[in-house]
Amino acid sequence: MTSRERVLAALNHQEADRVPVDLSGHRSSGIAAMAYARLRQHLGLEPRPIRVYDPVQQLAIVDEDVLSRFGVDTVELGRAFAQQDEHWQDWVLPDGTPCQMPAWVKLERETGRWVIRSGSGRVIAQMPDGVLYFEQTHWPFAESDDLDRLSDDLGESMWTAIASPPGPLVAGPGGARVLAEGARQLRQRTDRAILGLFGGNLLEMGQFFYRNDGFLMLLAARPKRAHEFLDRVVELHRANLERFLGAVGEHIDIIVFGDDLGMQNGPQISPKMYREFFFPRERFLWQRVKALAPRLKIMLHCCGGVRELFPGLIEAGLEAINPVQITCRGMAAQELKTEFGRYMTFWGGGCDTRELLSHASPAQVDEHVRRQVEILKPGGGFVFQQVHNILADVPPANVVAMYDAVLAAGTYAAAQPTPPR
C-alpha cells in the first residue's frame, strides 16, 4: 500500500498492511529542534540546516531521510512552501545549536530574554533565558473587548500572529493561487497523506484573546457576550475555510482543526457548556467542510482528558482526534478503543511523552509502544503518533526505539507472509 492508502484505510476503520505512522504531519506531532539535531547525529545522517518552522514550539522541519528511516506516512501542507534560503533567517537554539527561523518572524534580543513583536511593534511573545519555548505576553481583550477589532487583533496575539509556512507567502490578492499551486505540486511529488492545518479554534480563540481565566469567566458569567464573540469568530473561520478549501481541498487528505478542550483531570468545560457554546459551531464548520470537500477527513487536535465530550464531538462530525493524551483521567487507551473505536480514529496515544519518552530506557519505550499498538490497532481506526510533540529533552535512542517498535508491532496479521511449510 502507499502511505496515503494506508492512512485513509485507518481513517475508514480498515486494517491496512500496517499501522500508519505520523511524525511532523501537523504541529502537535513534531519534534523539538534541539532533539531533532541530536537525532540526526545519533542516526549518523549528514548534517543539514535545522529549520524551525514553528517558532513558538521550536519544532523542526523533518527531512526526507528521517521520514523514510521511520516509515512516516504523513506530510504537512506547509512543506510545499518556504523552500528558498531567502525565506529563512539565522538564529541559535537555547542549547547553542545553530538553526534558521522563518524570515517574517520579528525576533529581538532583550536583557534576559528573546521577544517576538507584532506588526505594530508590541511584544506578543517572550522566551526568557533558560526556557525552551515562547510564551504569550499580550491578550488583546484582557482588559476590555471590542468585537469590531477582532480581525485586526489577530495580529496582536501570539498564537494567531506568528505564522508557520506558508505564512505570508500566500497573503495578498494572489495568495489563493500560490496556495493552490503549492498544494498541487506537493501532491504530485508525494504519496504520503497530506494534512492541511486549518485551525478553526473556538475555546482557544477566546483564551488567546481574553486569557484563559478571562474567557472561562466570560462563558460562565456573561454567556450572551461569549456567544457574540464566538459568532464573530465562526464568521471569520467560515470565510477563511471557504478560501482555504477552494485553494487546497482537492489536494489534501485531512483537514486539521484545533481546540484544547481538556486538562489533566478532565475537560475544561462541562458537557452542558460544550453543548451550548461549541457543539453547534463545530458542527457548522465541519458540515461546511463536507459540503465543499466531501472526501476530506476531519481531525481535531484536542489535548487533555476529554472523554466526557466524545459523544458530542462525534455527533458534531469529528472523524479523528489527536493526540489521545493517555495519562489524563478517563483516557486509558483500552477503554477509549472499546467505547468509541467504532466511531472515531485515534490519531495518537501511541507513546506517553509526559514521563516515559523522556525518562525511560529504550527497552521500556519499546515495551510500552508495543502494548499501546496492540491495544489500538485492531480494526483500523488508529494512526500511530506519540502523545503530542517530541520534546527537547528526549534522548535520541528513545525516539529510535519508539518508531522501531511501532514498525515491528504494527503489522496486521493478514499482511504477514505465510511461513514456509
Foldseek 3Di string as FASTA:
>chain_A
DALQVQQVCLLVLAFDQFFAAAEPLDQFQYAAQLQQQQLCVVVVHDDDAWEQLQQQQRGTDDDPVVCVVLVHQHHELLVLAPPDPVQWDWDAFLVGHIHIYGPPWAWDDDVQWIFTAFPVGHTQWIAGRPGGGIDGDDAADQPHDDLVCLVVCLRRFVVSNDHGPVPCVLDDDNNLVVSLVSLVVVLVVGSGAYEYEQALEQLVSQCSHNNNVRSVCCVVPPVVVSQVNRVSSLVVSVVSVVSNCVRNLVRHAEYEYEYAQADQAEGPDALVSCVVRPLVSLLVNLVVSCVSRVRHAYEYEYDHHYVNNVVSCLVSPHSEYPAQQCNGPPRPLLVCCVPCVVRHAYEHPQFHQPDDQQPHDLVVLLVSNLVSLVRRCPSRSYHYGYHTYHYSRGHSSNVVSNSVSSVVNGGDPVSDDDDDD
